[in-house]
Amino acid sequence: MSILSPPLVLASTSAYRREILAKLRLPFTQVSPDYAEVALPDEAPDVMARRLATGKALAVASIGVGAPDLAPLVIGADQVVYVNSERLSKPGSVERAEAQLSRCSGQWVTYCSALSLATQGQTLTLDHDLYHVKFRNLTAIEIQRYVALDQPLDCAGSIKAESLGIALFSSTRGEDINTLYGLPLLRLAQRLREHGLDPLTSN
């Protein structure tokens, strides 16, 4: 990386997003954002995802992370999962995970992943992408077996798509599989290039 390139910070401690961002082979650090993720009444999924991504990025960009003479470029990200008009949160328990997967059985489910870039308390860019998956008609035994094997209790929608969760789908639609995983990497790479961080030329 050039000496003039700003340090890159991921405003998340998520192992999933760390693995996605690492694909670009740009050095970065992770910082937990001091930001409350609260859903607002009747908020559209894309609006919610973009608002939360922005809030996380600004929360970290305002605390002075990085070198004092070079403000960091902070990435905020959020994902909202929904089937029809129902938002699917992180289940937190086996029972809720099984109930969510039963709700998704035979349905198209949409994953809306947003990203925000911020520095020095200012938002530089905001974007989001959609990825759609069609769930197979799942039996209760398949659902129970999947939850036991993959333990997706900390994943919105109750699947780990990068793992065994792919076996639950019959079809997918979207331009970037990473959007399904929680960070739209194609759009992020484009935005980073616009701000002087090109994975193919920075070192």
N, C-alpha and C. Protein backbone atom coordinates (compact mmCIF):
# COMPACT_ATOMS: atom_id res chain seq x y z
N MET A 1 0.84 -1.20 0.00
CA MET A 1 0.00 0.00 0.00
C MET A 1 0.88 1.25 0.00
N SER A 2 0.48 2.23 -0.75
CA SER A 2 1.21 3.48 -0.82
C SER A 2 1.25 4.15 0.53
N ILE A 3 2.34 4.90 0.81
CA ILE A 3 2.45 5.60 2.08
C ILE A 3 1.38 6.67 2.23
N LEU A 4 0.80 7.10 1.10
CA LEU A 4 -0.24 8.11 1.14
C LEU A 4 -1.64 7.50 1.21
N SER A 5 -1.73 6.20 1.13
CA SER A 5 -3.04 5.55 1.19
C SER A 5 -3.55 5.54 2.63
N PRO A 6 -4.82 5.85 2.83
CA PRO A 6 -5.36 5.85 4.19
C PRO A 6 -5.46 4.44 4.73
N PRO A 7 -5.26 4.25 6.03
CA PRO A 7 -5.47 2.92 6.61
C PRO A 7 -6.94 2.52 6.48
N LEU A 8 -7.16 1.24 6.31
CA LEU A 8 -8.50 0.71 6.10
C LEU A 8 -8.99 0.05 7.39
N VAL A 9 -10.20 0.40 7.79
CA VAL A 9 -10.78 -0.13 9.02
C VAL A 9 -12.15 -0.71 8.73
N LEU A 10 -12.41 -1.92 9.20
CA LEU A 10 -13.72 -2.54 9.09
C LEU A 10 -14.45 -2.33 10.41
N ALA A 11 -15.57 -1.61 10.35
CA ALA A 11 -16.33 -1.30 11.56
C ALA A 11 -17.22 -2.48 11.93
N SER A 12 -16.56 -3.57 12.27
CA SER A 12 -17.27 -4.81 12.60
C SER A 12 -16.26 -5.79 13.17
N THR A 13 -16.73 -6.63 14.09
CA THR A 13 -15.89 -7.72 14.58
C THR A 13 -16.35 -9.05 14.00
N SER A 14 -17.21 -9.01 12.99
CA SER A 14 -17.74 -10.22 12.38
C SER A 14 -16.65 -11.01 11.68
N ALA A 15 -16.55 -12.28 12.01
CA ALA A 15 -15.59 -13.16 11.33
C ALA A 15 -15.99 -13.36 9.87
N TYR A 16 -17.29 -13.35 9.60
CA TYR A 16 -17.77 -13.54 8.22
C TYR A 16 -17.32 -12.38 7.33
N ARG A 17 -17.54 -11.15 7.81
CA ARG A 17 -17.14 -9.99 7.00
C ARG A 17 -15.62 -9.86 6.91
N ARG A 18 -14.91 -10.27 7.95
CA ARG A 18 -13.45 -10.26 7.88
C ARG A 18 -12.97 -11.17 6.76
N GLU A 19 -13.54 -12.35 6.64
CA GLU A 19 -13.13 -13.29 5.60
C GLU A 19 -13.45 -12.75 4.21
N ILE A 20 -14.59 -12.07 4.07
CA ILE A 20 -14.96 -11.51 2.77
C ILE A 20 -14.00 -10.40 2.38
N LEU A 21 -13.78 -9.45 3.28
CA LEU A 21 -12.90 -8.32 2.98
C LEU A 21 -11.47 -8.77 2.72
N ALA A 22 -11.04 -9.83 3.37
CA ALA A 22 -9.67 -10.34 3.19
C ALA A 22 -9.42 -10.81 1.76
N LYS A 23 -10.49 -11.11 1.00
CA LYS A 23 -10.33 -11.53 -0.38
C LYS A 23 -9.65 -10.45 -1.23
N LEU A 24 -9.81 -9.18 -0.85
CA LEU A 24 -9.20 -8.09 -1.61
C LEU A 24 -7.71 -7.93 -1.33
N ARG A 25 -7.22 -8.60 -0.30
CA ARG A 25 -5.79 -8.61 0.04
C ARG A 25 -5.26 -7.21 0.33
N LEU A 26 -6.11 -6.38 0.90
CA LEU A 26 -5.70 -5.08 1.41
C LEU A 26 -5.59 -5.18 2.93
N PRO A 27 -4.54 -4.66 3.52
CA PRO A 27 -4.43 -4.72 4.98
C PRO A 27 -5.53 -3.89 5.64
N PHE A 28 -6.10 -4.41 6.70
CA PHE A 28 -7.14 -3.67 7.41
C PHE A 28 -7.17 -4.11 8.86
N THR A 29 -7.78 -3.31 9.69
CA THR A 29 -8.02 -3.65 11.08
C THR A 29 -9.51 -3.68 11.32
N GLN A 30 -9.91 -4.32 12.40
CA GLN A 30 -11.32 -4.39 12.77
C GLN A 30 -11.53 -3.64 14.08
N VAL A 31 -12.59 -2.86 14.12
CA VAL A 31 -12.97 -2.12 15.32
C VAL A 31 -14.46 -2.31 15.54
N SER A 32 -14.84 -2.62 16.76
CA SER A 32 -16.26 -2.78 17.08
C SER A 32 -16.93 -1.41 17.17
N PRO A 33 -17.98 -1.17 16.39
CA PRO A 33 -18.64 0.14 16.44
C PRO A 33 -19.52 0.26 17.68
N ASP A 34 -19.46 1.39 18.34
CA ASP A 34 -20.35 1.68 19.47
C ASP A 34 -21.63 2.27 18.90
N TYR A 35 -22.48 1.38 18.42
CA TYR A 35 -23.67 1.82 17.71
C TYR A 35 -24.80 0.83 17.95
N ALA A 36 -25.94 1.33 18.34
CA ALA A 36 -27.09 0.48 18.63
C ALA A 36 -27.85 0.17 17.35
N GLU A 37 -27.98 -1.11 17.03
CA GLU A 37 -28.71 -1.54 15.84
C GLU A 37 -30.19 -1.71 16.19
N VAL A 38 -30.95 -0.67 15.92
CA VAL A 38 -32.37 -0.66 16.29
C VAL A 38 -33.22 -0.56 15.03
N ALA A 39 -34.20 -1.44 14.91
CA ALA A 39 -35.13 -1.39 13.78
C ALA A 39 -36.18 -0.31 14.03
N LEU A 40 -36.51 0.45 12.99
CA LEU A 40 -37.54 1.47 13.09
C LEU A 40 -38.84 0.94 12.50
N PRO A 41 -39.98 1.39 13.03
CA PRO A 41 -41.27 0.89 12.53
C PRO A 41 -41.46 1.17 11.04
N ASP A 42 -41.91 0.17 10.31
CA ASP A 42 -42.26 0.29 8.90
C ASP A 42 -41.09 0.74 8.01
N GLU A 43 -39.88 0.48 8.44
CA GLU A 43 -38.71 0.87 7.66
C GLU A 43 -38.44 -0.15 6.56
N ALA A 44 -38.26 0.33 5.33
CA ALA A 44 -37.96 -0.56 4.22
C ALA A 44 -36.61 -1.24 4.44
N PRO A 45 -36.44 -2.50 3.99
CA PRO A 45 -35.20 -3.24 4.23
C PRO A 45 -33.95 -2.52 3.75
N ASP A 46 -34.00 -1.95 2.52
CA ASP A 46 -32.81 -1.28 2.00
C ASP A 46 -32.50 -0.01 2.79
N VAL A 47 -33.54 0.68 3.22
CA VAL A 47 -33.34 1.90 4.02
C VAL A 47 -32.70 1.54 5.36
N MET A 48 -33.18 0.46 5.97
CA MET A 48 -32.63 0.02 7.25
C MET A 48 -31.18 -0.39 7.11
N ALA A 49 -30.88 -1.21 6.10
CA ALA A 49 -29.51 -1.68 5.90
C ALA A 49 -28.56 -0.51 5.68
N ARG A 50 -28.95 0.45 4.85
CA ARG A 50 -28.10 1.60 4.56
C ARG A 50 -27.93 2.49 5.80
N ARG A 51 -28.99 2.66 6.57
CA ARG A 51 -28.90 3.48 7.79
C ARG A 51 -27.94 2.85 8.80
N LEU A 52 -28.06 1.55 8.99
CA LEU A 52 -27.20 0.88 9.97
C LEU A 52 -25.75 0.82 9.51
N ALA A 53 -25.53 0.59 8.21
CA ALA A 53 -24.16 0.59 7.69
C ALA A 53 -23.51 1.96 7.89
N THR A 54 -24.27 3.01 7.63
CA THR A 54 -23.75 4.37 7.81
C THR A 54 -23.46 4.65 9.28
N GLY A 55 -24.38 4.25 10.14
CA GLY A 55 -24.19 4.49 11.57
C GLY A 55 -22.95 3.81 12.12
N LYS A 56 -22.70 2.58 11.69
CA LYS A 56 -21.51 1.86 12.14
C LYS A 56 -20.23 2.52 11.65
N ALA A 57 -20.23 2.90 10.36
CA ALA A 57 -19.03 3.55 9.80
C ALA A 57 -18.73 4.86 10.50
N LEU A 58 -19.75 5.67 10.72
CA LEU A 58 -19.53 6.97 11.36
C LEU A 58 -19.13 6.81 12.83
N ALA A 59 -19.67 5.79 13.50
CA ALA A 59 -19.32 5.56 14.91
C ALA A 59 -17.83 5.32 15.07
N VAL A 60 -17.24 4.57 14.13
CA VAL A 60 -15.80 4.29 14.20
C VAL A 60 -14.98 5.44 13.64
N ALA A 61 -15.48 6.06 12.56
CA ALA A 61 -14.73 7.15 11.93
C ALA A 61 -14.61 8.38 12.82
N SER A 62 -15.45 8.47 13.83
CA SER A 62 -15.44 9.65 14.70
C SER A 62 -14.57 9.50 15.93
N ILE A 63 -13.94 8.31 16.11
CA ILE A 63 -13.16 8.10 17.34
C ILE A 63 -11.66 8.19 17.13
N GLY A 64 -11.24 8.55 15.92
CA GLY A 64 -9.81 8.79 15.69
C GLY A 64 -8.96 7.56 15.60
N VAL A 65 -9.48 6.49 15.02
CA VAL A 65 -8.69 5.27 14.83
C VAL A 65 -7.64 5.52 13.75
N GLY A 66 -6.44 4.95 13.92
CA GLY A 66 -5.42 5.05 12.88
C GLY A 66 -4.37 6.10 13.19
N ALA A 67 -3.51 6.34 12.22
CA ALA A 67 -2.42 7.29 12.39
C ALA A 67 -2.97 8.71 12.55
N PRO A 68 -2.37 9.53 13.41
CA PRO A 68 -2.89 10.88 13.64
C PRO A 68 -2.80 11.78 12.42
N ASP A 69 -1.86 11.50 11.51
CA ASP A 69 -1.69 12.37 10.35
C ASP A 69 -2.38 11.84 9.10
N LEU A 70 -3.10 10.71 9.23
CA LEU A 70 -3.77 10.14 8.08
C LEU A 70 -5.06 9.47 8.54
N ALA A 71 -6.19 10.12 8.28
CA ALA A 71 -7.48 9.61 8.74
C ALA A 71 -7.81 8.29 8.05
N PRO A 72 -8.32 7.33 8.78
CA PRO A 72 -8.63 6.03 8.18
C PRO A 72 -9.88 6.08 7.32
N LEU A 73 -9.95 5.16 6.40
CA LEU A 73 -11.15 4.94 5.60
C LEU A 73 -11.90 3.79 6.26
N VAL A 74 -13.10 4.09 6.75
CA VAL A 74 -13.84 3.12 7.56
C VAL A 74 -14.98 2.51 6.75
N ILE A 75 -15.07 1.19 6.78
CA ILE A 75 -16.14 0.46 6.10
C ILE A 75 -17.18 0.05 7.12
N GLY A 76 -18.41 0.48 6.90
CA GLY A 76 -19.54 0.01 7.69
C GLY A 76 -20.40 -0.89 6.82
N ALA A 77 -20.97 -1.93 7.38
CA ALA A 77 -21.80 -2.84 6.59
C ALA A 77 -22.95 -3.37 7.43
N ASP A 78 -24.04 -3.67 6.75
CA ASP A 78 -25.17 -4.28 7.44
C ASP A 78 -25.98 -5.09 6.43
N GLN A 79 -26.67 -6.09 6.93
CA GLN A 79 -27.49 -6.93 6.07
C GLN A 79 -28.88 -7.09 6.68
N VAL A 80 -29.89 -6.95 5.84
CA VAL A 80 -31.28 -7.19 6.24
C VAL A 80 -31.82 -8.30 5.35
N VAL A 81 -32.38 -9.33 5.98
CA VAL A 81 -32.91 -10.48 5.26
C VAL A 81 -34.44 -10.48 5.41
N TYR A 82 -35.13 -10.72 4.30
CA TYR A 82 -36.59 -10.71 4.41
C TYR A 82 -37.23 -11.67 3.41
N VAL A 83 -38.36 -12.21 3.82
CA VAL A 83 -39.18 -13.07 2.97
C VAL A 83 -40.54 -12.40 2.87
N ASN A 84 -40.97 -12.10 1.62
CA ASN A 84 -42.15 -11.27 1.41
C ASN A 84 -41.91 -9.94 2.15
N SER A 85 -42.72 -9.60 3.12
CA SER A 85 -42.51 -8.34 3.85
C SER A 85 -42.01 -8.58 5.27
N GLU A 86 -41.65 -9.82 5.58
CA GLU A 86 -41.24 -10.17 6.95
C GLU A 86 -39.72 -10.18 7.07
N ARG A 87 -39.19 -9.36 7.99
CA ARG A 87 -37.75 -9.32 8.22
C ARG A 87 -37.35 -10.50 9.10
N LEU A 88 -36.23 -11.12 8.75
CA LEU A 88 -35.71 -12.27 9.50
C LEU A 88 -34.46 -11.84 10.26
N SER A 89 -34.52 -11.90 11.56
CA SER A 89 -33.39 -11.49 12.40
C SER A 89 -32.49 -12.69 12.68
N LYS A 90 -31.44 -12.46 13.46
CA LYS A 90 -30.61 -13.57 13.92
C LYS A 90 -31.43 -14.38 14.92
N PRO A 91 -31.55 -15.69 14.74
CA PRO A 91 -32.50 -16.45 15.57
C PRO A 91 -32.10 -16.55 17.04
N GLY A 92 -30.83 -16.82 17.31
CA GLY A 92 -30.39 -16.89 18.70
C GLY A 92 -30.72 -18.18 19.42
N SER A 93 -31.61 -18.99 18.86
CA SER A 93 -31.96 -20.27 19.48
C SER A 93 -32.30 -21.27 18.39
N VAL A 94 -32.20 -22.54 18.74
CA VAL A 94 -32.51 -23.61 17.79
C VAL A 94 -33.98 -23.53 17.37
N GLU A 95 -34.85 -23.28 18.33
CA GLU A 95 -36.28 -23.24 18.04
C GLU A 95 -36.61 -22.13 17.04
N ARG A 96 -36.04 -20.94 17.22
CA ARG A 96 -36.32 -19.83 16.31
C ARG A 96 -35.69 -20.07 14.94
N ALA A 97 -34.51 -20.70 14.92
CA ALA A 97 -33.88 -21.01 13.65
C ALA A 97 -34.74 -21.98 12.84
N GLU A 98 -35.25 -23.00 13.49
CA GLU A 98 -36.10 -23.97 12.81
C GLU A 98 -37.40 -23.31 12.32
N ALA A 99 -37.95 -22.39 13.11
CA ALA A 99 -39.17 -21.69 12.71
C ALA A 99 -38.92 -20.80 11.50
N GLN A 100 -37.77 -20.11 11.48
CA GLN A 100 -37.44 -19.26 10.35
C GLN A 100 -37.26 -20.08 9.07
N LEU A 101 -36.58 -21.19 9.16
CA LEU A 101 -36.37 -22.01 7.98
C LEU A 101 -37.67 -22.62 7.48
N SER A 102 -38.56 -22.94 8.38
CA SER A 102 -39.88 -23.43 7.98
C SER A 102 -40.63 -22.33 7.24
N ARG A 103 -40.48 -21.08 7.69
CA ARG A 103 -41.11 -19.94 7.02
C ARG A 103 -40.52 -19.74 5.63
N CYS A 104 -39.23 -20.01 5.45
CA CYS A 104 -38.55 -19.79 4.17
C CYS A 104 -38.76 -20.93 3.18
N SER A 105 -39.19 -22.09 3.67
CA SER A 105 -39.34 -23.26 2.81
C SER A 105 -40.22 -22.96 1.59
N GLY A 106 -39.67 -23.21 0.39
CA GLY A 106 -40.41 -23.01 -0.84
C GLY A 106 -40.53 -21.56 -1.27
N GLN A 107 -39.88 -20.63 -0.55
CA GLN A 107 -40.04 -19.20 -0.80
C GLN A 107 -38.78 -18.57 -1.38
N TRP A 108 -38.95 -17.43 -2.07
CA TRP A 108 -37.82 -16.57 -2.42
C TRP A 108 -37.51 -15.69 -1.22
N VAL A 109 -36.25 -15.65 -0.84
CA VAL A 109 -35.79 -14.83 0.28
C VAL A 109 -34.76 -13.84 -0.25
N THR A 110 -34.86 -12.59 0.19
CA THR A 110 -33.97 -11.54 -0.29
C THR A 110 -32.98 -11.13 0.78
N TYR A 111 -31.73 -11.02 0.36
CA TYR A 111 -30.64 -10.56 1.24
C TYR A 111 -30.19 -9.19 0.74
N CYS A 112 -30.42 -8.17 1.55
CA CYS A 112 -30.03 -6.80 1.21
C CYS A 112 -28.81 -6.44 2.04
N SER A 113 -27.67 -6.27 1.38
CA SER A 113 -26.43 -5.92 2.08
C SER A 113 -25.99 -4.53 1.68
N ALA A 114 -25.75 -3.69 2.67
CA ALA A 114 -25.35 -2.31 2.43
C ALA A 114 -23.93 -2.07 2.91
N LEU A 115 -23.26 -1.10 2.28
CA LEU A 115 -21.93 -0.69 2.73
C LEU A 115 -21.85 0.83 2.74
N SER A 116 -21.05 1.31 3.65
CA SER A 116 -20.81 2.75 3.75
C SER A 116 -19.33 2.98 3.98
N LEU A 117 -18.77 3.99 3.34
CA LEU A 117 -17.39 4.41 3.59
C LEU A 117 -17.43 5.77 4.27
N ALA A 118 -16.67 5.92 5.33
CA ALA A 118 -16.66 7.17 6.08
C ALA A 118 -15.25 7.50 6.53
N THR A 119 -15.00 8.78 6.76
CA THR A 119 -13.73 9.23 7.32
C THR A 119 -13.96 10.55 8.04
N GLN A 120 -13.28 10.72 9.16
CA GLN A 120 -13.36 11.96 9.92
C GLN A 120 -14.79 12.42 10.16
N GLY A 121 -15.66 11.48 10.51
CA GLY A 121 -17.03 11.82 10.84
C GLY A 121 -17.91 12.16 9.65
N GLN A 122 -17.44 11.87 8.44
CA GLN A 122 -18.20 12.23 7.25
C GLN A 122 -18.39 11.00 6.37
N THR A 123 -19.61 10.80 5.88
CA THR A 123 -19.89 9.70 4.96
C THR A 123 -19.40 10.06 3.56
N LEU A 124 -18.60 9.18 2.97
CA LEU A 124 -18.07 9.41 1.63
C LEU A 124 -18.95 8.77 0.57
N THR A 125 -19.44 7.58 0.87
CA THR A 125 -20.27 6.87 -0.11
C THR A 125 -21.18 5.89 0.61
N LEU A 126 -22.28 5.57 -0.04
CA LEU A 126 -23.26 4.64 0.52
C LEU A 126 -23.85 3.84 -0.63
N ASP A 127 -23.93 2.53 -0.47
CA ASP A 127 -24.39 1.67 -1.56
C ASP A 127 -25.03 0.42 -0.97
N HIS A 128 -25.80 -0.30 -1.78
CA HIS A 128 -26.33 -1.59 -1.34
C HIS A 128 -26.57 -2.48 -2.55
N ASP A 129 -26.70 -3.77 -2.28
CA ASP A 129 -26.93 -4.75 -3.33
C ASP A 129 -27.92 -5.79 -2.81
N LEU A 130 -28.64 -6.41 -3.73
CA LEU A 130 -29.62 -7.44 -3.37
C LEU A 130 -29.20 -8.80 -3.94
N TYR A 131 -29.45 -9.84 -3.18
CA TYR A 131 -29.24 -11.20 -3.66
C TYR A 131 -30.47 -12.01 -3.25
N HIS A 132 -30.99 -12.80 -4.18
CA HIS A 132 -32.23 -13.54 -3.96
C HIS A 132 -31.96 -15.04 -4.01
N VAL A 133 -32.53 -15.76 -3.07
CA VAL A 133 -32.38 -17.22 -3.06
C VAL A 133 -33.75 -17.87 -2.94
N LYS A 134 -33.93 -18.95 -3.69
CA LYS A 134 -35.17 -19.73 -3.59
C LYS A 134 -34.87 -20.97 -2.75
N PHE A 135 -35.61 -21.11 -1.66
CA PHE A 135 -35.44 -22.28 -0.79
C PHE A 135 -36.21 -23.47 -1.36
N ARG A 136 -35.61 -24.63 -1.24
CA ARG A 136 -36.33 -25.86 -1.59
C ARG A 136 -37.50 -26.04 -0.62
N ASN A 137 -38.42 -26.92 -0.98
CA ASN A 137 -39.46 -27.31 -0.03
C ASN A 137 -38.82 -28.24 0.99
N LEU A 138 -38.60 -27.72 2.16
CA LEU A 138 -37.83 -28.44 3.18
C LEU A 138 -38.73 -29.23 4.12
N THR A 139 -38.31 -30.43 4.47
CA THR A 139 -39.03 -31.21 5.47
C THR A 139 -38.55 -30.80 6.86
N ALA A 140 -39.35 -31.12 7.86
CA ALA A 140 -38.98 -30.81 9.23
C ALA A 140 -37.67 -31.50 9.62
N ILE A 141 -37.48 -32.72 9.14
CA ILE A 141 -36.25 -33.46 9.45
C ILE A 141 -35.04 -32.77 8.83
N GLU A 142 -35.18 -32.30 7.57
CA GLU A 142 -34.08 -31.59 6.92
C GLU A 142 -33.72 -30.32 7.68
N ILE A 143 -34.74 -29.60 8.10
CA ILE A 143 -34.50 -28.36 8.85
C ILE A 143 -33.78 -28.65 10.15
N GLN A 144 -34.27 -29.63 10.89
CA GLN A 144 -33.66 -29.97 12.18
C GLN A 144 -32.21 -30.43 11.99
N ARG A 145 -31.99 -31.24 10.95
CA ARG A 145 -30.65 -31.76 10.68
C ARG A 145 -29.71 -30.62 10.30
N TYR A 146 -30.19 -29.70 9.45
CA TYR A 146 -29.35 -28.58 9.05
C TYR A 146 -28.95 -27.72 10.24
N VAL A 147 -29.90 -27.35 11.07
CA VAL A 147 -29.61 -26.48 12.22
C VAL A 147 -28.62 -27.16 13.16
N ALA A 148 -28.78 -28.47 13.36
CA ALA A 148 -27.86 -29.20 14.23
C ALA A 148 -26.44 -29.22 13.67
N LEU A 149 -26.31 -29.34 12.36
CA LEU A 149 -24.99 -29.44 11.74
C LEU A 149 -24.29 -28.10 11.59
N ASP A 150 -25.03 -27.07 11.15
CA ASP A 150 -24.41 -25.79 10.82
C ASP A 150 -24.49 -24.76 11.94
N GLN A 151 -25.40 -24.96 12.89
CA GLN A 151 -25.54 -24.05 14.03
C GLN A 151 -25.59 -22.57 13.58
N PRO A 152 -26.58 -22.20 12.75
CA PRO A 152 -26.62 -20.84 12.22
C PRO A 152 -27.34 -19.85 13.14
N LEU A 153 -27.11 -19.95 14.42
CA LEU A 153 -27.89 -19.18 15.38
C LEU A 153 -27.52 -17.70 15.40
N ASP A 154 -26.34 -17.36 14.85
CA ASP A 154 -25.93 -15.95 14.82
C ASP A 154 -26.04 -15.37 13.40
N CYS A 155 -26.81 -16.02 12.54
CA CYS A 155 -26.93 -15.60 11.14
C CYS A 155 -28.37 -15.19 10.84
N ALA A 156 -28.54 -13.99 10.30
CA ALA A 156 -29.88 -13.55 9.90
C ALA A 156 -30.44 -14.50 8.86
N GLY A 157 -31.68 -14.93 9.07
CA GLY A 157 -32.28 -15.88 8.16
C GLY A 157 -31.98 -17.33 8.48
N SER A 158 -31.13 -17.56 9.48
CA SER A 158 -30.84 -18.91 9.97
C SER A 158 -30.12 -19.82 8.98
N ILE A 159 -29.25 -19.22 8.15
CA ILE A 159 -28.42 -20.07 7.28
C ILE A 159 -26.99 -19.55 7.24
N LYS A 160 -26.07 -20.46 7.01
CA LYS A 160 -24.70 -20.11 6.66
C LYS A 160 -24.53 -20.51 5.19
N ALA A 161 -24.79 -19.53 4.33
CA ALA A 161 -24.80 -19.83 2.89
C ALA A 161 -23.43 -20.24 2.38
N GLU A 162 -22.37 -19.79 3.03
CA GLU A 162 -21.02 -20.15 2.61
C GLU A 162 -20.65 -21.55 3.09
N SER A 163 -21.54 -22.18 3.83
CA SER A 163 -21.30 -23.51 4.36
C SER A 163 -22.39 -24.46 3.85
N LEU A 164 -22.96 -25.26 4.73
CA LEU A 164 -23.96 -26.24 4.32
C LEU A 164 -25.27 -25.60 3.89
N GLY A 165 -25.46 -24.33 4.20
CA GLY A 165 -26.71 -23.65 3.85
C GLY A 165 -27.02 -23.68 2.37
N ILE A 166 -26.00 -23.80 1.54
CA ILE A 166 -26.22 -23.85 0.09
C ILE A 166 -27.11 -25.03 -0.29
N ALA A 167 -27.13 -26.08 0.53
CA ALA A 167 -27.93 -27.27 0.24
C ALA A 167 -29.42 -27.03 0.44
N LEU A 168 -29.77 -25.87 1.02
CA LEU A 168 -31.18 -25.55 1.24
C LEU A 168 -31.83 -24.88 0.03
N PHE A 169 -31.01 -24.46 -0.95
CA PHE A 169 -31.51 -23.66 -2.06
C PHE A 169 -31.83 -24.50 -3.29
N SER A 170 -32.78 -24.01 -4.09
CA SER A 170 -33.03 -24.60 -5.40
C SER A 170 -32.60 -23.67 -6.51
N SER A 171 -32.48 -22.36 -6.22
CA SER A 171 -32.09 -21.39 -7.24
C SER A 171 -31.61 -20.11 -6.57
N THR A 172 -30.80 -19.33 -7.29
CA THR A 172 -30.34 -18.04 -6.78
C THR A 172 -30.34 -17.01 -7.90
N ARG A 173 -30.44 -15.72 -7.52
CA ARG A 173 -30.36 -14.62 -8.47
C ARG A 173 -29.57 -13.49 -7.84
N GLY A 174 -28.59 -12.97 -8.56
CA GLY A 174 -27.83 -11.84 -8.05
C GLY A 174 -26.50 -11.72 -8.76
N GLU A 175 -25.86 -10.54 -8.63
CA GLU A 175 -24.60 -10.31 -9.34
C GLU A 175 -23.38 -10.64 -8.50
N ASP A 176 -23.52 -10.72 -7.18
CA ASP A 176 -22.35 -10.90 -6.32
C ASP A 176 -22.71 -11.83 -5.17
N ILE A 177 -22.16 -13.04 -5.16
CA ILE A 177 -22.44 -14.01 -4.11
C ILE A 177 -22.04 -13.48 -2.74
N ASN A 178 -21.08 -12.55 -2.68
CA ASN A 178 -20.65 -12.00 -1.40
C ASN A 178 -21.75 -11.17 -0.75
N THR A 179 -22.68 -10.65 -1.55
CA THR A 179 -23.84 -9.94 -1.00
C THR A 179 -24.64 -10.89 -0.12
N LEU A 180 -24.79 -12.13 -0.55
CA LEU A 180 -25.48 -13.14 0.24
C LEU A 180 -24.74 -13.38 1.55
N TYR A 181 -23.42 -13.32 1.51
CA TYR A 181 -22.62 -13.58 2.71
C TYR A 181 -22.55 -12.39 3.66
N GLY A 182 -22.93 -11.18 3.20
CA GLY A 182 -23.00 -10.05 4.11
C GLY A 182 -22.21 -8.82 3.75
N LEU A 183 -21.44 -8.85 2.62
CA LEU A 183 -20.69 -7.68 2.21
C LEU A 183 -20.59 -7.66 0.69
N PRO A 184 -21.23 -6.69 0.01
CA PRO A 184 -21.19 -6.64 -1.46
C PRO A 184 -19.82 -6.23 -1.97
N LEU A 185 -19.01 -7.23 -2.26
CA LEU A 185 -17.58 -7.00 -2.52
C LEU A 185 -17.33 -6.32 -3.86
N LEU A 186 -18.12 -6.62 -4.88
CA LEU A 186 -17.94 -5.95 -6.16
C LEU A 186 -18.13 -4.44 -6.01
N ARG A 187 -19.16 -4.06 -5.33
CA ARG A 187 -19.43 -2.63 -5.14
C ARG A 187 -18.41 -2.00 -4.21
N LEU A 188 -17.98 -2.75 -3.19
CA LEU A 188 -16.97 -2.21 -2.29
C LEU A 188 -15.66 -1.97 -3.01
N ALA A 189 -15.22 -2.93 -3.84
CA ALA A 189 -13.97 -2.76 -4.58
C ALA A 189 -14.03 -1.53 -5.48
N GLN A 190 -15.18 -1.32 -6.10
CA GLN A 190 -15.34 -0.14 -6.95
C GLN A 190 -15.24 1.14 -6.13
N ARG A 191 -15.90 1.17 -5.00
CA ARG A 191 -15.87 2.37 -4.15
C ARG A 191 -14.47 2.63 -3.58
N LEU A 192 -13.77 1.56 -3.24
CA LEU A 192 -12.40 1.74 -2.73
C LEU A 192 -11.49 2.30 -3.80
N ARG A 193 -11.65 1.82 -5.04
CA ARG A 193 -10.84 2.37 -6.13
C ARG A 193 -11.09 3.86 -6.31
N GLU A 194 -12.34 4.27 -6.14
CA GLU A 194 -12.69 5.68 -6.27
C GLU A 194 -11.99 6.53 -5.22
N HIS A 195 -11.58 5.91 -4.11
CA HIS A 195 -10.91 6.64 -3.04
C HIS A 195 -9.45 6.23 -2.88
N GLY A 196 -8.87 5.72 -3.97
CA GLY A 196 -7.44 5.52 -4.02
C GLY A 196 -6.92 4.20 -3.48
N LEU A 197 -7.81 3.25 -3.22
CA LEU A 197 -7.38 1.92 -2.74
C LEU A 197 -7.76 0.87 -3.78
N ASP A 198 -6.85 0.52 -4.63
CA ASP A 198 -7.10 -0.48 -5.67
C ASP A 198 -6.40 -1.77 -5.26
N PRO A 199 -7.15 -2.86 -5.05
CA PRO A 199 -6.52 -4.13 -4.65
C PRO A 199 -5.44 -4.62 -5.60
N LEU A 200 -5.47 -4.22 -6.86
CA LEU A 200 -4.50 -4.70 -7.83
C LEU A 200 -3.28 -3.80 -7.99
N THR A 201 -3.31 -2.62 -7.42
CA THR A 201 -2.16 -1.72 -7.54
C THR A 201 -1.63 -1.26 -6.19
N SER A 202 -2.43 -1.37 -5.14
CA SER A 202 -1.97 -0.97 -3.81
C SER A 202 -1.22 -2.12 -3.17
N ASN A 203 -0.15 -1.82 -2.46
CA ASN A 203 0.60 -2.87 -1.78
C ASN A 203 1.33 -2.30 -0.58
